[in-house]
Amino acid sequence: MEYRSPVYDVISVPVEKVKPNTYNPNTVAPPEMRLLYESIKEDGYTMPIVCYYSKESDTYVIVDGFHRYRIMLEYQDIYIREKGMLPVSVINKSLDQRMASTIRHNRARGSHSVDLMSNIVKELHELGRSDAWISRHLGMDKDEILRLKQITGLTAMFKDIKFGRAWRPAEDEEAEE
């Protein structure tokens, strides 16, 4: 079967059926939120909200587009004009893949909270993802992953790391003789 990008199948979903995910580390400052509002007010929704459809809860969980979703919730004029409907593009991926997708979308255009990024790395590690997987899917280098792991203080994240033996400077060895 030929691949078809989800953007070609955008659907209209009541905003009440759209829910934020629990792991998005992206933040937008108030001036940029006002700019996003102005953009949506002037241009409409030009990009769909990327979601995963949860059959269990019959909701659409946001992968990308949380702040566009917030605009509809916070600005009555937008809600009324759009009749409470959001353009949604659905992807069907596992939780780890959705997390990676959220980070890729965000990193391509914005900045992240370090604490929230640390929690993402921790959660992906707990889901069994290796540093190499995190690096490849989230666009991080090994040093960045290490720093984010250190922030959480989670020793379990380092349990499979082989550490070398400690060394002592040559002066200390000579002093012992």
Protein backbone atom coordinates (compact mmCIF):
# COMPACT_ATOMS: atom_id res chain seq x y z
CA MET A 1 0.00 0.00 0.00
CA GLU A 2 1.28 3.44 -0.86
CA TYR A 3 2.00 5.79 2.05
CA ARG A 4 -0.42 8.68 2.50
CA SER A 5 0.48 11.59 4.80
CA PRO A 6 -2.11 12.23 7.54
CA VAL A 7 -2.48 15.87 6.49
CA TYR A 8 -4.48 14.75 3.44
CA ASP A 9 -7.18 13.40 5.74
CA VAL A 10 -7.86 16.32 8.09
CA ILE A 11 -11.12 15.96 10.00
CA SER A 12 -13.24 18.44 11.95
CA VAL A 13 -13.46 17.52 15.65
CA PRO A 14 -15.39 19.21 18.47
CA VAL A 15 -12.83 20.89 20.76
CA GLU A 16 -14.44 19.10 23.73
CA LYS A 17 -13.23 15.76 22.32
CA VAL A 18 -9.62 17.00 22.03
CA LYS A 19 -7.37 16.54 25.08
CA PRO A 20 -3.78 17.61 25.76
CA ASN A 21 -1.14 14.96 26.28
CA THR A 22 0.63 14.69 29.64
CA TYR A 23 4.19 15.03 28.39
CA ASN A 24 4.54 18.11 26.17
CA PRO A 25 7.56 20.12 27.37
CA ASN A 26 6.94 23.05 25.03
CA THR A 27 6.02 26.43 26.44
CA VAL A 28 4.99 29.60 24.66
CA ALA A 29 5.51 33.02 26.23
CA PRO A 30 2.54 35.41 26.47
CA PRO A 31 3.70 37.65 23.58
CA GLU A 32 3.92 34.64 21.27
CA MET A 33 0.52 33.39 22.44
CA ARG A 34 -0.98 36.77 21.54
CA LEU A 35 0.74 36.52 18.16
CA LEU A 36 -0.67 33.02 17.68
CA TYR A 37 -4.14 34.34 18.53
CA GLU A 38 -3.71 37.17 16.00
CA SER A 39 -2.50 34.68 13.41
CA ILE A 40 -5.51 32.42 13.90
CA LYS A 41 -7.85 35.42 14.04
CA GLU A 42 -6.50 36.84 10.76
CA ASP A 43 -5.59 33.67 8.85
CA GLY A 44 -7.74 31.00 10.47
CA TYR A 45 -6.37 27.60 11.40
CA THR A 46 -3.82 26.94 8.68
CA MET A 47 -2.32 23.87 10.32
CA PRO A 48 -4.29 20.98 11.82
CA ILE A 49 -3.85 19.80 15.39
CA VAL A 50 -1.98 16.48 15.21
CA CYS A 51 -3.68 13.91 17.43
CA TYR A 52 -3.82 10.26 18.34
CA TYR A 53 -7.34 8.84 18.55
CA SER A 54 -8.01 6.98 21.81
CA LYS A 55 -10.81 4.46 21.27
CA GLU A 56 -11.06 3.78 25.03
CA SER A 57 -11.98 7.38 25.89
CA ASP A 58 -13.29 8.40 22.46
CA THR A 59 -10.99 11.42 22.53
CA TYR A 60 -8.27 12.88 20.37
CA VAL A 61 -5.01 13.24 22.32
CA ILE A 62 -2.80 16.07 21.10
CA VAL A 63 0.62 15.18 19.71
CA ASP A 64 1.27 18.63 18.23
CA GLY A 65 -0.77 21.81 18.31
CA PHE A 66 -1.51 22.28 22.02
CA HIS A 67 -1.21 26.06 21.82
CA ARG A 68 -3.49 26.26 18.77
CA TYR A 69 -5.97 24.17 20.76
CA ARG A 70 -5.61 26.58 23.72
CA ILE A 71 -6.49 29.54 21.50
CA MET A 72 -9.91 28.06 20.81
CA LEU A 73 -10.48 27.39 24.52
CA GLU A 74 -9.35 30.84 25.64
CA TYR A 75 -10.82 33.09 22.93
CA GLN A 76 -14.57 33.01 22.56
CA ASP A 77 -14.46 34.83 19.20
CA ILE A 78 -12.37 32.01 17.72
CA TYR A 79 -14.59 29.34 19.28
CA ILE A 80 -17.72 30.95 17.86
CA ARG A 81 -16.26 31.57 14.41
CA GLU A 82 -15.00 27.97 14.18
CA LYS A 83 -18.25 26.61 15.69
CA GLY A 84 -16.18 24.83 18.35
CA MET A 85 -14.50 22.60 15.76
CA LEU A 86 -10.77 22.02 15.38
CA PRO A 87 -9.01 20.72 12.27
CA VAL A 88 -7.35 17.45 13.30
CA SER A 89 -4.87 15.23 11.55
CA VAL A 90 -4.76 11.75 13.11
CA ILE A 91 -1.66 9.61 13.53
CA ASN A 92 -1.80 6.06 14.81
CA LYS A 93 1.38 5.51 16.81
CA SER A 94 2.44 4.00 20.12
CA LEU A 95 3.05 6.26 23.12
CA ASP A 96 6.83 6.31 22.68
CA GLN A 97 6.46 7.21 19.01
CA ARG A 98 3.94 9.95 19.86
CA MET A 99 6.33 11.40 22.45
CA ALA A 100 9.11 11.42 19.87
CA SER A 101 6.80 13.04 17.34
CA THR A 102 5.84 15.78 19.81
CA ILE A 103 9.49 16.56 20.48
CA ARG A 104 10.39 16.58 16.78
CA HIS A 105 7.52 18.95 16.00
CA ASN A 106 8.45 21.26 18.87
CA ARG A 107 12.21 21.25 18.40
CA ALA A 108 11.82 22.11 14.75
CA ARG A 109 10.31 25.46 15.74
CA GLY A 110 10.67 26.29 19.41
CA SER A 111 12.29 25.77 22.77
CA HIS A 112 11.59 23.42 25.63
CA SER A 113 11.49 23.48 29.39
CA VAL A 114 14.58 21.64 30.62
CA ASP A 115 12.74 20.00 33.53
CA LEU A 116 9.97 18.73 31.27
CA MET A 117 12.50 17.48 28.71
CA SER A 118 14.28 15.62 31.53
CA ASN A 119 11.01 13.95 32.41
CA ILE A 120 10.46 12.93 28.79
CA VAL A 121 13.92 11.31 28.66
CA LYS A 122 13.19 9.58 31.99
CA GLU A 123 9.82 8.31 30.76
CA LEU A 124 11.23 7.07 27.46
CA HIS A 125 14.00 5.30 29.37
CA GLU A 126 11.37 3.67 31.60
CA LEU A 127 9.53 2.57 28.44
CA GLY A 128 12.72 0.72 27.49
CA ARG A 129 14.13 3.14 24.94
CA SER A 130 17.91 3.32 24.66
CA ASP A 131 19.98 6.49 24.51
CA ALA A 132 20.62 5.69 20.84
CA TRP A 133 16.85 5.51 20.20
CA ILE A 134 16.26 8.78 22.07
CA SER A 135 19.11 10.43 20.17
CA ARG A 136 17.83 9.27 16.79
CA HIS A 137 14.15 10.04 17.39
CA LEU A 138 14.43 13.26 19.41
CA GLY A 139 17.43 14.79 17.66
CA MET A 140 19.61 14.94 20.76
CA ASP A 141 23.30 14.21 21.12
CA LYS A 142 24.66 11.89 23.85
CA ASP A 143 25.82 14.77 26.05
CA GLU A 144 22.39 16.40 26.02
CA ILE A 145 20.73 13.11 26.97
CA LEU A 146 23.25 12.64 29.78
CA ARG A 147 22.62 16.16 31.14
CA LEU A 148 18.85 15.62 31.04
CA LYS A 149 19.22 12.30 32.86
CA GLN A 150 21.34 13.97 35.52
CA ILE A 151 18.68 16.62 36.13
CA THR A 152 16.08 14.02 37.11
CA GLY A 153 18.53 12.45 39.56
CA LEU A 154 17.22 9.04 38.65
CA THR A 155 20.01 6.55 39.33
CA ALA A 156 18.04 3.77 37.63
CA MET A 157 18.63 5.56 34.33
CA PHE A 158 22.33 4.75 34.71
CA LYS A 159 21.99 1.14 35.94
CA ASP A 160 23.12 -0.37 32.63
CA ILE A 161 26.08 1.97 32.18
CA LYS A 162 29.51 0.42 32.66
CA PHE A 163 31.80 2.78 34.52
CA GLY A 164 35.58 2.46 34.43
CA ARG A 165 37.71 2.10 37.52
CA ALA A 166 38.72 5.26 39.27
CA TRP A 167 42.20 6.61 38.57
CA ARG A 168 44.54 8.50 40.74
CA PRO A 169 46.98 11.17 39.60
CA ALA A 170 50.60 10.07 39.35
CA GLU A 171 51.62 12.40 42.23
CA ASP A 172 49.33 10.49 44.63
CA GLU A 173 50.84 7.14 43.61
CA GLU A 174 54.38 8.48 44.13
CA ALA A 175 53.48 9.83 47.57
CA GLU A 176 52.33 6.38 48.70
CA GLU A 177 55.67 4.78 47.77
